[in-house]
Amino acid sequence: MYQQYIQSNPQIMMGKPTVKGTRITVELILEKLAAGETVDQLLEAHPRLTRPAIYAALSFAAEALKADVIYPVPEQVA
């Protein structure tokens, strides 16, 4: 699904995955959502962004994580 909305072009944002036709990175979308911004707030702040593009960014991130090896974060001893 995300292929329609997400691209990685070495000449745009150093090749980071972005929403097609913008310089909005998947990373930025994830950071803002993780910080508590809502989808509606993202859409208001970035008029060229669409709801399907946001969901495509989430789908892209999920697929990318499936392909990577994830190492657990060690517990900190207090």
N, C-alpha and C. Protein backbone atom coordinates (compact mmCIF):
# COMPACT_ATOMS: atom_id res chain seq x y z
N MET A 1 0.81 -1.20 0.00
CA MET A 1 0.00 0.00 0.00
C MET A 1 0.86 1.26 0.00
N TYR A 2 1.95 1.24 0.77
CA TYR A 2 2.73 2.46 0.94
C TYR A 2 3.48 2.89 -0.31
N GLN A 3 3.72 1.99 -1.26
CA GLN A 3 4.50 2.32 -2.45
C GLN A 3 3.88 3.48 -3.24
N GLN A 4 2.60 3.64 -3.17
CA GLN A 4 1.91 4.72 -3.88
C GLN A 4 2.24 6.08 -3.28
N TYR A 5 2.61 6.12 -2.00
CA TYR A 5 2.80 7.38 -1.29
C TYR A 5 4.22 7.66 -0.84
N ILE A 6 5.03 6.63 -0.66
CA ILE A 6 6.36 6.80 -0.07
C ILE A 6 7.44 6.54 -1.12
N GLN A 7 8.45 7.41 -1.12
CA GLN A 7 9.57 7.23 -2.04
C GLN A 7 10.88 7.44 -1.30
N SER A 8 11.94 6.92 -1.88
CA SER A 8 13.28 7.17 -1.37
C SER A 8 14.13 7.57 -2.56
N ASN A 9 14.51 8.84 -2.60
CA ASN A 9 15.27 9.40 -3.71
C ASN A 9 16.52 10.03 -3.13
N PRO A 10 17.71 9.59 -3.58
CA PRO A 10 18.96 10.12 -3.02
C PRO A 10 19.07 11.65 -3.14
N GLN A 11 18.33 12.26 -4.04
CA GLN A 11 18.41 13.72 -4.23
C GLN A 11 17.41 14.48 -3.36
N ILE A 12 16.59 13.75 -2.61
CA ILE A 12 15.60 14.39 -1.73
C ILE A 12 15.86 13.93 -0.31
N MET A 13 16.15 14.85 0.57
CA MET A 13 16.37 14.57 1.99
C MET A 13 17.40 13.45 2.20
N MET A 14 18.45 13.47 1.39
CA MET A 14 19.55 12.50 1.48
C MET A 14 19.08 11.05 1.37
N GLY A 15 17.99 10.82 0.66
CA GLY A 15 17.51 9.47 0.42
C GLY A 15 16.60 8.91 1.49
N LYS A 16 16.30 9.71 2.52
CA LYS A 16 15.37 9.23 3.54
C LYS A 16 14.01 9.02 2.90
N PRO A 17 13.24 8.04 3.36
CA PRO A 17 11.90 7.85 2.81
C PRO A 17 11.04 9.08 3.10
N THR A 18 10.41 9.58 2.05
CA THR A 18 9.55 10.76 2.15
C THR A 18 8.20 10.48 1.51
N VAL A 19 7.24 11.33 1.83
CA VAL A 19 5.95 11.29 1.16
C VAL A 19 6.18 11.88 -0.23
N LYS A 20 5.76 11.17 -1.26
CA LYS A 20 5.97 11.61 -2.65
C LYS A 20 5.45 13.03 -2.85
N GLY A 21 6.25 13.82 -3.56
CA GLY A 21 5.86 15.19 -3.87
C GLY A 21 6.10 16.18 -2.74
N THR A 22 6.72 15.70 -1.65
CA THR A 22 7.01 16.57 -0.51
C THR A 22 8.42 16.30 -0.02
N ARG A 23 8.83 17.06 0.98
CA ARG A 23 10.08 16.80 1.67
C ARG A 23 9.78 16.35 3.10
N ILE A 24 8.59 15.82 3.30
CA ILE A 24 8.16 15.34 4.61
C ILE A 24 8.61 13.89 4.74
N THR A 25 9.47 13.65 5.72
CA THR A 25 10.02 12.30 5.89
C THR A 25 9.10 11.42 6.73
N VAL A 26 9.22 10.14 6.50
CA VAL A 26 8.52 9.16 7.34
C VAL A 26 8.96 9.35 8.79
N GLU A 27 10.23 9.61 8.97
CA GLU A 27 10.79 9.83 10.30
C GLU A 27 10.07 10.97 11.02
N LEU A 28 9.86 12.08 10.33
CA LEU A 28 9.17 13.23 10.93
C LEU A 28 7.75 12.87 11.35
N ILE A 29 7.06 12.15 10.49
CA ILE A 29 5.68 11.75 10.80
C ILE A 29 5.67 10.88 12.05
N LEU A 30 6.56 9.90 12.12
CA LEU A 30 6.63 9.03 13.29
C LEU A 30 6.97 9.80 14.55
N GLU A 31 7.94 10.70 14.45
CA GLU A 31 8.34 11.49 15.63
C GLU A 31 7.18 12.33 16.15
N LYS A 32 6.45 12.97 15.24
CA LYS A 32 5.35 13.83 15.67
C LYS A 32 4.21 13.01 16.29
N LEU A 33 3.90 11.87 15.71
CA LEU A 33 2.86 11.02 16.28
C LEU A 33 3.31 10.48 17.64
N ALA A 34 4.57 10.09 17.75
CA ALA A 34 5.09 9.57 19.02
C ALA A 34 5.10 10.65 20.10
N ALA A 35 5.23 11.91 19.69
CA ALA A 35 5.24 13.02 20.65
C ALA A 35 3.83 13.41 21.08
N GLY A 36 2.82 12.76 20.48
CA GLY A 36 1.45 13.01 20.91
C GLY A 36 0.62 13.83 19.95
N GLU A 37 1.20 14.26 18.84
CA GLU A 37 0.39 15.00 17.86
C GLU A 37 -0.62 14.05 17.24
N THR A 38 -1.75 14.58 16.88
CA THR A 38 -2.78 13.77 16.24
C THR A 38 -2.60 13.85 14.72
N VAL A 39 -3.26 12.94 14.04
CA VAL A 39 -3.25 12.96 12.58
C VAL A 39 -3.81 14.29 12.09
N ASP A 40 -4.88 14.77 12.72
CA ASP A 40 -5.47 16.05 12.30
C ASP A 40 -4.50 17.21 12.50
N GLN A 41 -3.72 17.19 13.57
CA GLN A 41 -2.73 18.24 13.78
C GLN A 41 -1.63 18.20 12.71
N LEU A 42 -1.22 16.99 12.35
CA LEU A 42 -0.23 16.84 11.28
C LEU A 42 -0.77 17.40 9.96
N LEU A 43 -2.00 17.08 9.66
CA LEU A 43 -2.61 17.55 8.42
C LEU A 43 -2.72 19.07 8.40
N GLU A 44 -3.03 19.65 9.55
CA GLU A 44 -3.14 21.11 9.63
C GLU A 44 -1.78 21.77 9.47
N ALA A 45 -0.75 21.18 10.06
CA ALA A 45 0.59 21.75 10.01
C ALA A 45 1.27 21.57 8.65
N HIS A 46 0.86 20.55 7.92
CA HIS A 46 1.49 20.22 6.63
C HIS A 46 0.39 20.05 5.57
N PRO A 47 -0.04 21.13 4.95
CA PRO A 47 -1.16 21.08 4.01
C PRO A 47 -1.00 20.12 2.84
N ARG A 48 0.24 19.82 2.45
CA ARG A 48 0.45 18.90 1.32
C ARG A 48 0.37 17.44 1.74
N LEU A 49 0.29 17.20 3.03
CA LEU A 49 0.19 15.85 3.57
C LEU A 49 -1.27 15.40 3.53
N THR A 50 -1.48 14.11 3.30
CA THR A 50 -2.83 13.56 3.30
C THR A 50 -2.94 12.44 4.33
N ARG A 51 -4.15 12.16 4.73
CA ARG A 51 -4.39 11.08 5.69
C ARG A 51 -3.86 9.74 5.15
N PRO A 52 -4.17 9.38 3.88
CA PRO A 52 -3.62 8.12 3.36
C PRO A 52 -2.08 8.09 3.36
N ALA A 53 -1.45 9.24 3.15
CA ALA A 53 0.01 9.29 3.15
C ALA A 53 0.56 9.03 4.56
N ILE A 54 -0.13 9.54 5.57
CA ILE A 54 0.29 9.29 6.95
C ILE A 54 0.19 7.80 7.26
N TYR A 55 -0.92 7.18 6.87
CA TYR A 55 -1.07 5.75 7.11
C TYR A 55 -0.07 4.94 6.30
N ALA A 56 0.28 5.43 5.11
CA ALA A 56 1.30 4.76 4.30
C ALA A 56 2.66 4.84 4.98
N ALA A 57 2.95 5.97 5.62
CA ALA A 57 4.21 6.11 6.36
C ALA A 57 4.26 5.10 7.51
N LEU A 58 3.15 4.93 8.20
CA LEU A 58 3.11 3.94 9.28
C LEU A 58 3.30 2.53 8.73
N SER A 59 2.67 2.24 7.61
CA SER A 59 2.81 0.93 6.98
C SER A 59 4.26 0.69 6.55
N PHE A 60 4.87 1.71 5.96
CA PHE A 60 6.27 1.61 5.55
C PHE A 60 7.16 1.30 6.75
N ALA A 61 6.95 2.02 7.85
CA ALA A 61 7.76 1.81 9.04
C ALA A 61 7.59 0.40 9.59
N ALA A 62 6.37 -0.09 9.59
CA ALA A 62 6.11 -1.45 10.07
C ALA A 62 6.84 -2.47 9.20
N GLU A 63 6.78 -2.30 7.90
CA GLU A 63 7.47 -3.22 6.98
C GLU A 63 8.98 -3.14 7.17
N ALA A 64 9.50 -1.93 7.37
CA ALA A 64 10.94 -1.76 7.56
C ALA A 64 11.40 -2.47 8.82
N LEU A 65 10.61 -2.40 9.86
CA LEU A 65 10.97 -3.06 11.12
C LEU A 65 10.94 -4.58 11.00
N LYS A 66 10.05 -5.09 10.17
CA LYS A 66 10.01 -6.54 9.96
C LYS A 66 11.29 -7.04 9.31
N ALA A 67 11.91 -6.21 8.49
CA ALA A 67 13.10 -6.61 7.74
C ALA A 67 14.37 -6.46 8.56
N ASP A 68 14.34 -5.67 9.62
CA ASP A 68 15.54 -5.41 10.41
C ASP A 68 15.60 -6.34 11.61
N VAL A 69 16.81 -6.50 12.10
CA VAL A 69 17.02 -7.22 13.35
C VAL A 69 16.84 -6.20 14.46
N ILE A 70 15.98 -6.53 15.39
CA ILE A 70 15.71 -5.63 16.50
C ILE A 70 16.36 -6.21 17.76
N TYR A 71 17.13 -5.39 18.42
CA TYR A 71 17.79 -5.80 19.65
C TYR A 71 17.06 -5.17 20.82
N PRO A 72 16.77 -5.95 21.85
CA PRO A 72 16.07 -5.38 23.00
C PRO A 72 16.94 -4.35 23.71
N VAL A 73 16.27 -3.34 24.26
CA VAL A 73 16.97 -2.33 25.03
C VAL A 73 17.27 -2.92 26.40
N PRO A 74 18.53 -2.87 26.82
CA PRO A 74 18.85 -3.45 28.13
C PRO A 74 18.17 -2.67 29.26
N GLU A 75 17.76 -3.40 30.27
CA GLU A 75 17.14 -2.75 31.42
C GLU A 75 18.19 -1.99 32.20
N GLN A 76 17.81 -0.83 32.68
CA GLN A 76 18.73 -0.06 33.50
C GLN A 76 18.53 -0.42 34.95
N VAL A 77 19.61 -0.68 35.61
CA VAL A 77 19.55 -1.04 37.02
C VAL A 77 19.59 0.26 37.83
N ALA A 78 18.63 0.42 38.71
CA ALA A 78 18.56 1.66 39.50
C ALA A 78 19.43 1.58 40.73
